[in-house]
Amino acid sequence: MQKDQEFLEYIIKNLVDNPNDVKVDRKVDEMGVLMTLDINPADMGKIIGRQGNTAKAIRTLLRVVGMKNNARVNLKINEPEGSTRPPRAPHDDRSASRSVDEAMADLKF
């Protein structure tokens, strides 16, 4: 097992409630190293984090480990079967600015 794969497994297993369900697959091609992560569906939120911040941090750490070894390391997190992630709403800038305007109006006494 490579150091980057060991590092990723160590991080993930210490974040999740079901460490025995953690599986990391490592593939190397001309684009670099691709780490594919499979976890228990109940642990998905812990790995993704609020607004994806935990996943971003893990990816950043993997890039640093990759730079040390002169390799480009990417992480793919497989969505587990049975995942109950709600569907994403389409992004609409107008509704976001409208709600900010409404909030500002509410603050005026």
PDB file of N, CA and C in Angstrom:
ATOM      1  N   MET A   1       0.851  -1.183   0.000  1.00  0.00           N
ATOM      2  CA  MET A   1       0.000   0.000   0.000  1.00  0.00           C
ATOM      3  C   MET A   1       0.894   1.243   0.000  1.00  0.00           C
ATOM      4  N   GLN A   2       0.530   2.205  -0.812  1.00  0.00           N
ATOM      5  CA  GLN A   2       1.298   3.441  -0.933  1.00  0.00           C
ATOM      6  C   GLN A   2       1.025   4.375   0.244  1.00  0.00           C
ATOM      7  N   LYS A   3       1.960   5.287   0.501  1.00  0.00           N
ATOM      8  CA  LYS A   3       1.833   6.233   1.622  1.00  0.00           C
ATOM      9  C   LYS A   3       0.592   7.103   1.496  1.00  0.00           C
ATOM     10  N   ASP A   4       0.286   7.573   0.265  1.00  0.00           N
ATOM     11  CA  ASP A   4      -0.887   8.430   0.104  1.00  0.00           C
ATOM     12  C   ASP A   4      -2.181   7.681   0.409  1.00  0.00           C
ATOM     13  N   GLN A   5      -2.233   6.407   0.038  1.00  0.00           N
ATOM     14  CA  GLN A   5      -3.416   5.591   0.314  1.00  0.00           C
ATOM     15  C   GLN A   5      -3.536   5.326   1.823  1.00  0.00           C
ATOM     16  N   GLU A   6      -2.425   5.041   2.472  1.00  0.00           N
ATOM     17  CA  GLU A   6      -2.432   4.832   3.928  1.00  0.00           C
ATOM     18  C   GLU A   6      -2.884   6.100   4.648  1.00  0.00           C
ATOM     19  N   PHE A   7      -2.390   7.243   4.187  1.00  0.00           N
ATOM     20  CA  PHE A   7      -2.741   8.530   4.778  1.00  0.00           C
ATOM     21  C   PHE A   7      -4.244   8.781   4.666  1.00  0.00           C
ATOM     22  N   LEU A   8      -4.803   8.565   3.468  1.00  0.00           N
ATOM     23  CA  LEU A   8      -6.227   8.782   3.257  1.00  0.00           C
ATOM     24  C   LEU A   8      -7.051   7.844   4.134  1.00  0.00           C
ATOM     25  N   GLU A   9      -6.695   6.574   4.177  1.00  0.00           N
ATOM     26  CA  GLU A   9      -7.433   5.617   5.007  1.00  0.00           C
ATOM     27  C   GLU A   9      -7.381   6.011   6.471  1.00  0.00           C
ATOM     28  N   TYR A  10      -6.232   6.467   6.942  1.00  0.00           N
ATOM     29  CA  TYR A  10      -6.083   6.884   8.337  1.00  0.00           C
ATOM     30  C   TYR A  10      -7.032   8.049   8.648  1.00  0.00           C
ATOM     31  N   ILE A  11      -7.053   9.054   7.794  1.00  0.00           N
ATOM     32  CA  ILE A  11      -7.918  10.218   8.007  1.00  0.00           C
ATOM     33  C   ILE A  11      -9.387   9.797   8.025  1.00  0.00           C
ATOM     34  N   ILE A  12      -9.801   9.082   6.991  1.00  0.00           N
ATOM     35  CA  ILE A  12     -11.214   8.724   6.843  1.00  0.00           C
ATOM     36  C   ILE A  12     -11.672   7.824   7.991  1.00  0.00           C
ATOM     37  N   LYS A  13     -10.889   6.820   8.322  1.00  0.00           N
ATOM     38  CA  LYS A  13     -11.298   5.891   9.381  1.00  0.00           C
ATOM     39  C   LYS A  13     -11.430   6.583  10.739  1.00  0.00           C
ATOM     40  N   ASN A  14     -10.702   7.682  10.930  1.00  0.00           N
ATOM     41  CA  ASN A  14     -10.811   8.413  12.189  1.00  0.00           C
ATOM     42  C   ASN A  14     -11.939   9.436  12.177  1.00  0.00           C
ATOM     43  N   LEU A  15     -12.557   9.662  11.031  1.00  0.00           N
ATOM     44  CA  LEU A  15     -13.678  10.596  10.946  1.00  0.00           C
ATOM     45  C   LEU A  15     -15.041   9.900  10.993  1.00  0.00           C
ATOM     46  N   VAL A  16     -15.092   8.654  10.568  1.00  0.00           N
ATOM     47  CA  VAL A  16     -16.377   7.964  10.405  1.00  0.00           C
ATOM     48  C   VAL A  16     -16.733   7.096  11.608  1.00  0.00           C
ATOM     49  N   ASP A  17     -18.022   6.723  11.669  1.00  0.00           N
ATOM     50  CA  ASP A  17     -18.504   5.816  12.714  1.00  0.00           C
ATOM     51  C   ASP A  17     -18.330   4.352  12.329  1.00  0.00           C
ATOM     52  N   ASN A  18     -18.164   4.085  11.041  1.00  0.00           N
ATOM     53  CA  ASN A  18     -18.044   2.710  10.536  1.00  0.00           C
ATOM     54  C   ASN A  18     -16.722   2.524   9.799  1.00  0.00           C
ATOM     55  N   PRO A  19     -15.595   2.521  10.534  1.00  0.00           N
ATOM     56  CA  PRO A  19     -14.292   2.447   9.865  1.00  0.00           C
ATOM     57  C   PRO A  19     -14.064   1.148   9.091  1.00  0.00           C
ATOM     58  N   ASN A  20     -14.756   0.080   9.466  1.00  0.00           N
ATOM     59  CA  ASN A  20     -14.571  -1.192   8.753  1.00  0.00           C
ATOM     60  C   ASN A  20     -15.167  -1.166   7.350  1.00  0.00           C
ATOM     61  N   ASP A  21     -16.045  -0.182   7.074  1.00  0.00           N
ATOM     62  CA  ASP A  21     -16.663  -0.069   5.754  1.00  0.00           C
ATOM     63  C   ASP A  21     -15.870   0.816   4.798  1.00  0.00           C
ATOM     64  N   VAL A  22     -14.767   1.386   5.266  1.00  0.00           N
ATOM     65  CA  VAL A  22     -13.961   2.279   4.433  1.00  0.00           C
ATOM     66  C   VAL A  22     -13.135   1.457   3.455  1.00  0.00           C
ATOM     67  N   LYS A  23     -13.235   1.835   2.167  1.00  0.00           N
ATOM     68  CA  LYS A  23     -12.455   1.161   1.136  1.00  0.00           C
ATOM     69  C   LYS A  23     -11.855   2.224   0.230  1.00  0.00           C
ATOM     70  N   VAL A  24     -10.553   2.175   0.057  1.00  0.00           N
ATOM     71  CA  VAL A  24      -9.854   3.123  -0.807  1.00  0.00           C
ATOM     72  C   VAL A  24      -9.199   2.349  -1.947  1.00  0.00           C
ATOM     73  N   ASP A  25      -9.522   2.753  -3.163  1.00  0.00           N
ATOM     74  CA  ASP A  25      -8.921   2.146  -4.347  1.00  0.00           C
ATOM     75  C   ASP A  25      -7.975   3.180  -4.955  1.00  0.00           C
ATOM     76  N   ARG A  26      -6.803   2.754  -5.372  1.00  0.00           N
ATOM     77  CA  ARG A  26      -5.788   3.664  -5.909  1.00  0.00           C
ATOM     78  C   ARG A  26      -5.425   3.226  -7.313  1.00  0.00           C
ATOM     79  N   LYS A  27      -5.546   4.167  -8.255  1.00  0.00           N
ATOM     80  CA  LYS A  27      -5.172   3.885  -9.642  1.00  0.00           C
ATOM     81  C   LYS A  27      -4.217   4.981 -10.123  1.00  0.00           C
ATOM     82  N   VAL A  28      -3.234   4.573 -10.892  1.00  0.00           N
ATOM     83  CA  VAL A  28      -2.261   5.508 -11.447  1.00  0.00           C
ATOM     84  C   VAL A  28      -2.369   5.455 -12.969  1.00  0.00           C
ATOM     85  N   ASP A  29      -2.447   6.644 -13.591  1.00  0.00           N
ATOM     86  CA  ASP A  29      -2.431   6.723 -15.049  1.00  0.00           C
ATOM     87  C   ASP A  29      -1.644   7.967 -15.460  1.00  0.00           C
ATOM     88  N   GLU A  30      -1.728   8.340 -16.729  1.00  0.00           N
ATOM     89  CA  GLU A  30      -0.943   9.480 -17.201  1.00  0.00           C
ATOM     90  C   GLU A  30      -1.383  10.805 -16.578  1.00  0.00           C
ATOM     91  N   MET A  31      -2.583  10.847 -16.016  1.00  0.00           N
ATOM     92  CA  MET A  31      -3.084  12.067 -15.374  1.00  0.00           C
ATOM     93  C   MET A  31      -2.616  12.177 -13.919  1.00  0.00           C
ATOM     94  N   GLY A  32      -2.128  11.107 -13.341  1.00  0.00           N
ATOM     95  CA  GLY A  32      -1.685  11.114 -11.949  1.00  0.00           C
ATOM     96  C   GLY A  32      -2.311   9.978 -11.172  1.00  0.00           C
ATOM     97  N   VAL A  33      -2.542  10.233  -9.894  1.00  0.00           N
ATOM     98  CA  VAL A  33      -3.091   9.215  -9.003  1.00  0.00           C
ATOM     99  C   VAL A  33      -4.563   9.555  -8.741  1.00  0.00           C
ATOM    100  N   LEU A  34      -5.425   8.559  -8.889  1.00  0.00           N
ATOM    101  CA  LEU A  34      -6.839   8.728  -8.557  1.00  0.00           C
ATOM    102  C   LEU A  34      -7.170   7.801  -7.399  1.00  0.00           C
ATOM    103  N   MET A  35      -7.592   8.416  -6.289  1.00  0.00           N
ATOM    104  CA  MET A  35      -8.028   7.652  -5.126  1.00  0.00           C
ATOM    105  C   MET A  35      -9.549   7.653  -5.140  1.00  0.00           C
ATOM    106  N   THR A  36     -10.150   6.486  -5.068  1.00  0.00           N
ATOM    107  CA  THR A  36     -11.600   6.360  -5.041  1.00  0.00           C
ATOM    108  C   THR A  36     -12.005   5.864  -3.665  1.00  0.00           C
ATOM    109  N   LEU A  37     -12.921   6.577  -3.027  1.00  0.00           N
ATOM    110  CA  LEU A  37     -13.323   6.293  -1.655  1.00  0.00           C
ATOM    111  C   LEU A  37     -14.743   5.758  -1.614  1.00  0.00           C
ATOM    112  N   ASP A  38     -14.911   4.622  -0.953  1.00  0.00           N
ATOM    113  CA  ASP A  38     -16.226   4.051  -0.685  1.00  0.00           C
ATOM    114  C   ASP A  38     -16.394   3.991   0.827  1.00  0.00           C
ATOM    115  N   ILE A  39     -17.555   4.484   1.313  1.00  0.00           N
ATOM    116  CA  ILE A  39     -17.825   4.484   2.746  1.00  0.00           C
ATOM    117  C   ILE A  39     -19.268   4.070   3.004  1.00  0.00           C
ATOM    118  N   ASN A  40     -19.580   3.842   4.271  1.00  0.00           N
ATOM    119  CA  ASN A  40     -20.934   3.530   4.690  1.00  0.00           C
ATOM    120  C   ASN A  40     -21.830   4.742   4.405  1.00  0.00           C
ATOM    121  N   PRO A  41     -23.060   4.520   3.902  1.00  0.00           N
ATOM    122  CA  PRO A  41     -23.954   5.654   3.617  1.00  0.00           C
ATOM    123  C   PRO A  41     -24.190   6.563   4.826  1.00  0.00           C
ATOM    124  N   ALA A  42     -24.193   6.007   6.018  1.00  0.00           N
ATOM    125  CA  ALA A  42     -24.434   6.806   7.224  1.00  0.00           C
ATOM    126  C   ALA A  42     -23.297   7.786   7.500  1.00  0.00           C
ATOM    127  N   ASP A  43     -22.119   7.535   6.943  1.00  0.00           N
ATOM    128  CA  ASP A  43     -20.948   8.379   7.192  1.00  0.00           C
ATOM    129  C   ASP A  43     -20.720   9.445   6.128  1.00  0.00           C
ATOM    130  N   MET A  44     -21.553   9.458   5.114  1.00  0.00           N
ATOM    131  CA  MET A  44     -21.330  10.369   3.987  1.00  0.00           C
ATOM    132  C   MET A  44     -21.271  11.828   4.438  1.00  0.00           C
ATOM    133  N   GLY A  45     -22.169  12.246   5.300  1.00  0.00           N
ATOM    134  CA  GLY A  45     -22.196  13.632   5.755  1.00  0.00           C
ATOM    135  C   GLY A  45     -20.938  14.036   6.491  1.00  0.00           C
ATOM    136  N   LYS A  46     -20.345  13.097   7.223  1.00  0.00           N
ATOM    137  CA  LYS A  46     -19.122  13.399   7.974  1.00  0.00           C
ATOM    138  C   LYS A  46     -17.948  13.636   7.039  1.00  0.00           C
ATOM    139  N   ILE A  47     -17.919  12.935   5.937  1.00  0.00           N
ATOM    140  CA  ILE A  47     -16.808  13.072   4.995  1.00  0.00           C
ATOM    141  C   ILE A  47     -16.993  14.298   4.107  1.00  0.00           C
ATOM    142  N   ILE A  48     -18.213  14.581   3.709  1.00  0.00           N
ATOM    143  CA  ILE A  48     -18.468  15.752   2.868  1.00  0.00           C
ATOM    144  C   ILE A  48     -18.381  17.029   3.699  1.00  0.00           C
ATOM    145  N   GLY A  49     -19.026  17.043   4.853  1.00  0.00           N
ATOM    146  CA  GLY A  49     -19.000  18.221   5.723  1.00  0.00           C
ATOM    147  C   GLY A  49     -19.937  19.306   5.235  1.00  0.00           C
ATOM    148  N   ARG A  50     -20.033  20.366   6.031  1.00  0.00           N
ATOM    149  CA  ARG A  50     -20.899  21.486   5.648  1.00  0.00           C
ATOM    150  C   ARG A  50     -20.354  22.162   4.402  1.00  0.00           C
ATOM    151  N   GLN A  51     -21.218  22.281   3.419  1.00  0.00           N
ATOM    152  CA  GLN A  51     -20.880  22.900   2.129  1.00  0.00           C
ATOM    153  C   GLN A  51     -19.649  22.264   1.498  1.00  0.00           C
ATOM    154  N   GLY A  52     -19.387  21.013   1.826  1.00  0.00           N
ATOM    155  CA  GLY A  52     -18.262  20.297   1.223  1.00  0.00           C
ATOM    156  C   GLY A  52     -16.909  20.655   1.795  1.00  0.00           C
ATOM    157  N   ASN A  53     -16.886  21.354   2.922  1.00  0.00           N
ATOM    158  CA  ASN A  53     -15.609  21.832   3.459  1.00  0.00           C
ATOM    159  C   ASN A  53     -14.685  20.708   3.917  1.00  0.00           C
ATOM    160  N   THR A  54     -15.226  19.650   4.506  1.00  0.00           N
ATOM    161  CA  THR A  54     -14.363  18.547   4.951  1.00  0.00           C
ATOM    162  C   THR A  54     -13.745  17.850   3.743  1.00  0.00           C
ATOM    163  N   ALA A  55     -14.549  17.594   2.722  1.00  0.00           N
ATOM    164  CA  ALA A  55     -14.031  16.951   1.509  1.00  0.00           C
ATOM    165  C   ALA A  55     -12.966  17.821   0.844  1.00  0.00           C
ATOM    166  N   LYS A  56     -13.185  19.132   0.815  1.00  0.00           N
ATOM    167  CA  LYS A  56     -12.191  20.046   0.231  1.00  0.00           C
ATOM    168  C   LYS A  56     -10.886  19.986   1.008  1.00  0.00           C
ATOM    169  N   ALA A  57     -10.987  19.951   2.334  1.00  0.00           N
ATOM    170  CA  ALA A  57      -9.785  19.891   3.170  1.00  0.00           C
ATOM    171  C   ALA A  57      -9.026  18.589   2.939  1.00  0.00           C
ATOM    172  N   ILE A  58      -9.743  17.476   2.832  1.00  0.00           N
ATOM    173  CA  ILE A  58      -9.097  16.181   2.579  1.00  0.00           C
ATOM    174  C   ILE A  58      -8.394  16.207   1.220  1.00  0.00           C
ATOM    175  N   ARG A  59      -9.063  16.771   0.224  1.00  0.00           N
ATOM    176  CA  ARG A  59      -8.452  16.859  -1.112  1.00  0.00           C
ATOM    177  C   ARG A  59      -7.197  17.729  -1.091  1.00  0.00           C
ATOM    178  N   THR A  60      -7.239  18.818  -0.329  1.00  0.00           N
ATOM    179  CA  THR A  60      -6.067  19.690  -0.214  1.00  0.00           C
ATOM    180  C   THR A  60      -4.905  18.944   0.419  1.00  0.00           C
ATOM    181  N   LEU A  61      -5.175  18.212   1.491  1.00  0.00           N
ATOM    182  CA  LEU A  61      -4.123  17.425   2.140  1.00  0.00           C
ATOM    183  C   LEU A  61      -3.538  16.388   1.189  1.00  0.00           C
ATOM    184  N   LEU A  62      -4.390  15.744   0.400  1.00  0.00           N
ATOM    185  CA  LEU A  62      -3.893  14.747  -0.558  1.00  0.00           C
ATOM    186  C   LEU A  62      -3.015  15.392  -1.627  1.00  0.00           C
ATOM    187  N   ARG A  63      -3.368  16.606  -2.055  1.00  0.00           N
ATOM    188  CA  ARG A  63      -2.528  17.296  -3.038  1.00  0.00           C
ATOM    189  C   ARG A  63      -1.156  17.606  -2.456  1.00  0.00           C
ATOM    190  N   VAL A  64      -1.126  17.993  -1.172  1.00  0.00           N
ATOM    191  CA  VAL A  64       0.156  18.275  -0.516  1.00  0.00           C
ATOM    192  C   VAL A  64       0.998  17.010  -0.447  1.00  0.00           C
ATOM    193  N   VAL A  65       0.376  15.893  -0.063  1.00  0.00           N
ATOM    194  CA  VAL A  65       1.096  14.614  -0.024  1.00  0.00           C
ATOM    195  C   VAL A  65       1.595  14.265  -1.428  1.00  0.00           C
ATOM    196  N   GLY A  66       0.763  14.511  -2.436  1.00  0.00           N
ATOM    197  CA  GLY A  66       1.159  14.240  -3.812  1.00  0.00           C
ATOM    198  C   GLY A  66       2.330  15.087  -4.261  1.00  0.00           C
ATOM    199  N   MET A  67       2.307  16.379  -3.896  1.00  0.00           N
ATOM    200  CA  MET A  67       3.418  17.266  -4.280  1.00  0.00           C
ATOM    201  C   MET A  67       4.732  16.782  -3.687  1.00  0.00           C
ATOM    202  N   LYS A  68       4.675  16.276  -2.470  1.00  0.00           N
ATOM    203  CA  LYS A  68       5.883  15.757  -1.824  1.00  0.00           C
ATOM    204  C   LYS A  68       6.472  14.593  -2.623  1.00  0.00           C
ATOM    205  N   ASN A  69       5.597  13.841  -3.279  1.00  0.00           N
ATOM    206  CA  ASN A  69       6.028  12.685  -4.066  1.00  0.00           C
ATOM    207  C   ASN A  69       6.007  12.954  -5.567  1.00  0.00           C
ATOM    208  N   ASN A  70       5.932  14.241  -5.954  1.00  0.00           N
ATOM    209  CA  ASN A  70       5.901  14.631  -7.364  1.00  0.00           C
ATOM    210  C   ASN A  70       4.794  13.929  -8.146  1.00  0.00           C
ATOM    211  N   ALA A  71       3.606  13.857  -7.537  1.00  0.00           N
ATOM    212  CA  ALA A  71       2.467  13.225  -8.197  1.00  0.00           C
ATOM    213  C   ALA A  71       1.232  14.096  -8.012  1.00  0.00           C
ATOM    214  N   ARG A  72       0.351  14.045  -8.974  1.00  0.00           N
ATOM    215  CA  ARG A  72      -0.929  14.735  -8.865  1.00  0.00           C
ATOM    216  C   ARG A  72      -1.928  13.735  -8.299  1.00  0.00           C
ATOM    217  N   VAL A  73      -2.482  14.043  -7.126  1.00  0.00           N
ATOM    218  CA  VAL A  73      -3.405  13.117  -6.457  1.00  0.00           C
ATOM    219  C   VAL A  73      -4.800  13.726  -6.439  1.00  0.00           C
ATOM    220  N   ASN A  74      -5.776  12.973  -6.923  1.00  0.00           N
ATOM    221  CA  ASN A  74      -7.168  13.401  -6.918  1.00  0.00           C
ATOM    222  C   ASN A  74      -7.996  12.397  -6.125  1.00  0.00           C
ATOM    223  N   LEU A  75      -9.091  12.896  -5.553  1.00  0.00           N
ATOM    224  CA  LEU A  75      -9.982  12.055  -4.750  1.00  0.00           C
ATOM    225  C   LEU A  75     -11.371  12.060  -5.348  1.00  0.00           C
ATOM    226  N   LYS A  76     -11.903  10.876  -5.547  1.00  0.00           N
ATOM    227  CA  LYS A  76     -13.291  10.711  -5.976  1.00  0.00           C
ATOM    228  C   LYS A  76     -14.015  10.010  -4.840  1.00  0.00           C
ATOM    229  N   ILE A  77     -15.120  10.616  -4.386  1.00  0.00           N
ATOM    230  CA  ILE A  77     -15.910  10.013  -3.321  1.00  0.00           C
ATOM    231  C   ILE A  77     -17.144   9.412  -3.968  1.00  0.00           C
ATOM    232  N   ASN A  78     -17.240   8.083  -3.933  1.00  0.00           N
ATOM    233  CA  ASN A  78     -18.397   7.411  -4.522  1.00  0.00           C
ATOM    234  C   ASN A  78     -19.610   7.607  -3.626  1.00  0.00           C
ATOM    235  N   GLU A  79     -20.728   7.958  -4.242  1.00  0.00           N
ATOM    236  CA  GLU A  79     -21.962   8.070  -3.476  1.00  0.00           C
ATOM    237  C   GLU A  79     -22.460   6.653  -3.204  1.00  0.00           C
ATOM    238  N   PRO A  80     -22.622   6.310  -1.925  1.00  0.00           N
ATOM    239  CA  PRO A  80     -23.018   4.938  -1.599  1.00  0.00           C
ATOM    240  C   PRO A  80     -24.446   4.635  -2.029  1.00  0.00           C
ATOM    241  N   GLU A  81     -24.690   3.344  -2.319  1.00  0.00           N
ATOM    242  CA  GLU A  81     -26.048   2.928  -2.630  1.00  0.00           C
ATOM    243  C   GLU A  81     -26.901   3.135  -1.393  1.00  0.00           C
ATOM    244  N   GLY A  82     -28.132   3.564  -1.609  1.00  0.00           N
ATOM    245  CA  GLY A  82     -29.009   3.818  -0.482  1.00  0.00           C
ATOM    246  C   GLY A  82     -28.817   5.202   0.106  1.00  0.00           C
ATOM    247  N   SER A  83     -28.015   6.023  -0.546  1.00  0.00           N
ATOM    248  CA  SER A  83     -27.791   7.380  -0.064  1.00  0.00           C
ATOM    249  C   SER A  83     -29.105   8.159  -0.148  1.00  0.00           C
ATOM    250  N   THR A  84     -29.346   8.970   0.857  1.00  0.00           N
ATOM    251  CA  THR A  84     -30.603   9.722   0.898  1.00  0.00           C
ATOM    252  C   THR A  84     -30.355  11.212   0.731  1.00  0.00           C
ATOM    253  N   ARG A  85     -29.371  11.551  -0.064  1.00  0.00           N
ATOM    254  CA  ARG A  85     -29.052  12.955  -0.299  1.00  0.00           C
ATOM    255  C   ARG A  85     -30.223  13.613  -1.020  1.00  0.00           C
ATOM    256  N   PRO A  86     -30.691  14.761  -0.501  1.00  0.00           N
ATOM    257  CA  PRO A  86     -31.807  15.437  -1.176  1.00  0.00           C
ATOM    258  C   PRO A  86     -31.359  15.983  -2.517  1.00  0.00           C
ATOM    259  N   PRO A  87     -32.274  16.069  -3.475  1.00  0.00           N
ATOM    260  CA  PRO A  87     -31.891  16.618  -4.773  1.00  0.00           C
ATOM    261  C   PRO A  87     -31.519  18.084  -4.636  1.00  0.00           C
ATOM    262  N   ARG A  88     -30.547  18.499  -5.425  1.00  0.00           N
ATOM    263  CA  ARG A  88     -30.085  19.892  -5.361  1.00  0.00           C
ATOM    264  C   ARG A  88     -31.041  20.783  -6.141  1.00  0.00           C
ATOM    265  N   ALA A  89     -31.343  21.915  -5.554  1.00  0.00           N
ATOM    266  CA  ALA A  89     -32.190  22.891  -6.240  1.00  0.00           C
ATOM    267  C   ALA A  89     -31.341  23.636  -7.253  1.00  0.00           C
ATOM    268  N   PRO A  90     -31.923  24.012  -8.378  1.00  0.00           N
ATOM    269  CA  PRO A  90     -31.147  24.788  -9.349  1.00  0.00           C
ATOM    270  C   PRO A  90     -30.762  26.124  -8.742  1.00  0.00           C
ATOM    271  N   HIS A  91     -29.573  26.590  -9.085  1.00  0.00           N
ATOM    272  CA  HIS A  91     -29.061  27.845  -8.533  1.00  0.00           C
ATOM    273  C   HIS A  91     -29.719  29.015  -9.252  1.00  0.00           C
ATOM    274  N   ASP A  92     -30.277  29.922  -8.481  1.00  0.00           N
ATOM    275  CA  ASP A  92     -30.939  31.097  -9.051  1.00  0.00           C
ATOM    276  C   ASP A  92     -30.463  32.322  -8.291  1.00  0.00           C
ATOM    277  N   ASP A  93     -29.609  33.134  -8.922  1.00  0.00           N
ATOM    278  CA  ASP A  93     -29.060  34.319  -8.270  1.00  0.00           C
ATOM    279  C   ASP A  93     -30.137  35.321  -7.886  1.00  0.00           C
ATOM    280  N   ARG A  94     -31.187  35.395  -8.691  1.00  0.00           N
ATOM    281  CA  ARG A  94     -32.238  36.373  -8.401  1.00  0.00           C
ATOM    282  C   ARG A  94     -32.939  36.058  -7.088  1.00  0.00           C
ATOM    283  N   SER A  95     -33.225  34.787  -6.814  1.00  0.00           N
ATOM    284  CA  SER A  95     -33.915  34.456  -5.567  1.00  0.00           C
ATOM    285  C   SER A  95     -32.999  34.704  -4.369  1.00  0.00           C
ATOM    286  N   ALA A  96     -31.683  34.489  -4.544  1.00  0.00           N
ATOM    287  CA  ALA A  96     -30.751  34.741  -3.440  1.00  0.00           C
ATOM    288  C   ALA A  96     -30.692  36.226  -3.133  1.00  0.00           C
ATOM    289  N   SER A  97     -30.609  37.072  -4.159  1.00  0.00           N
ATOM    290  CA  SER A  97     -30.531  38.503  -3.901  1.00  0.00           C
ATOM    291  C   SER A  97     -31.868  39.031  -3.393  1.00  0.00           C
ATOM    292  N   ARG A  98     -32.947  38.456  -3.834  1.00  0.00           N
ATOM    293  CA  ARG A  98     -34.258  38.884  -3.369  1.00  0.00           C
ATOM    294  C   ARG A  98     -34.387  38.587  -1.872  1.00  0.00           C
ATOM    295  N   SER A  99     -33.926  37.438  -1.421  1.00  0.00           N
ATOM    296  CA  SER A  99     -34.032  37.110  -0.002  1.00  0.00           C
ATOM    297  C   SER A  99     -33.108  37.994   0.834  1.00  0.00           C
ATOM    298  N   VAL A 100     -31.963  38.398   0.293  1.00  0.00           N
ATOM    299  CA  VAL A 100     -31.074  39.319   1.005  1.00  0.00           C
ATOM    300  C   VAL A 100     -31.755  40.681   1.133  1.00  0.00           C
ATOM    301  N   ASP A 101     -32.391  41.139   0.057  1.00  0.00           N
ATOM    302  CA  ASP A 101     -33.104  42.417   0.099  1.00  0.00           C
ATOM    303  C   ASP A 101     -34.239  42.373   1.118  1.00  0.00           C
ATOM    304  N   GLU A 102     -34.945  41.247   1.138  1.00  0.00           N
ATOM    305  CA  GLU A 102     -36.038  41.105   2.108  1.00  0.00           C
ATOM    306  C   GLU A 102     -35.500  41.124   3.528  1.00  0.00           C
ATOM    307  N   ALA A 103     -34.368  40.459   3.747  1.00  0.00           N
ATOM    308  CA  ALA A 103     -33.765  40.435   5.087  1.00  0.00           C
ATOM    309  C   ALA A 103     -33.328  41.831   5.495  1.00  0.00           C
ATOM    310  N   MET A 104     -32.771  42.569   4.567  1.00  0.00           N
ATOM    311  CA  MET A 104     -32.344  43.945   4.870  1.00  0.00           C
ATOM    312  C   MET A 104     -33.560  44.807   5.213  1.00  0.00           C
ATOM    313  N   ALA A 105     -34.648  44.619   4.497  1.00  0.00           N
ATOM    314  CA  ALA A 105     -35.871  45.374   4.774  1.00  0.00           C
ATOM    315  C   ALA A 105     -36.392  45.041   6.174  1.00  0.00           C
ATOM    316  N   ASP A 106     -36.285  43.789   6.568  1.00  0.00           N
ATOM    317  CA  ASP A 106     -36.731  43.365   7.897  1.00  0.00           C
ATOM    318  C   ASP A 106     -35.907  44.018   9.003  1.00  0.00           C
ATOM    319  N   LEU A 107     -34.649  44.337   8.720  1.00  0.00           N
ATOM    320  CA  LEU A 107     -33.770  44.916   9.744  1.00  0.00           C
ATOM    321  C   LEU A 107     -34.052  46.392   9.992  1.00  0.00           C
ATOM    322  N   LYS A 108     -34.721  47.041   9.046  1.00  0.00           N
ATOM    323  CA  LYS A 108     -35.029  48.475   9.206  1.00  0.00           C
ATOM    324  C   LYS A 108     -36.180  48.635  10.201  1.00  0.00           C
ATOM    325  N   PHE A 109     -35.955  49.416  11.204  1.00  0.00           N
ATOM    326  CA  PHE A 109     -36.972  49.593  12.255  1.00  0.00           C
ATOM    327  C   PHE A 109     -37.872  50.744  11.978  1.00  0.00           C
TER     328      PHE A 109
END
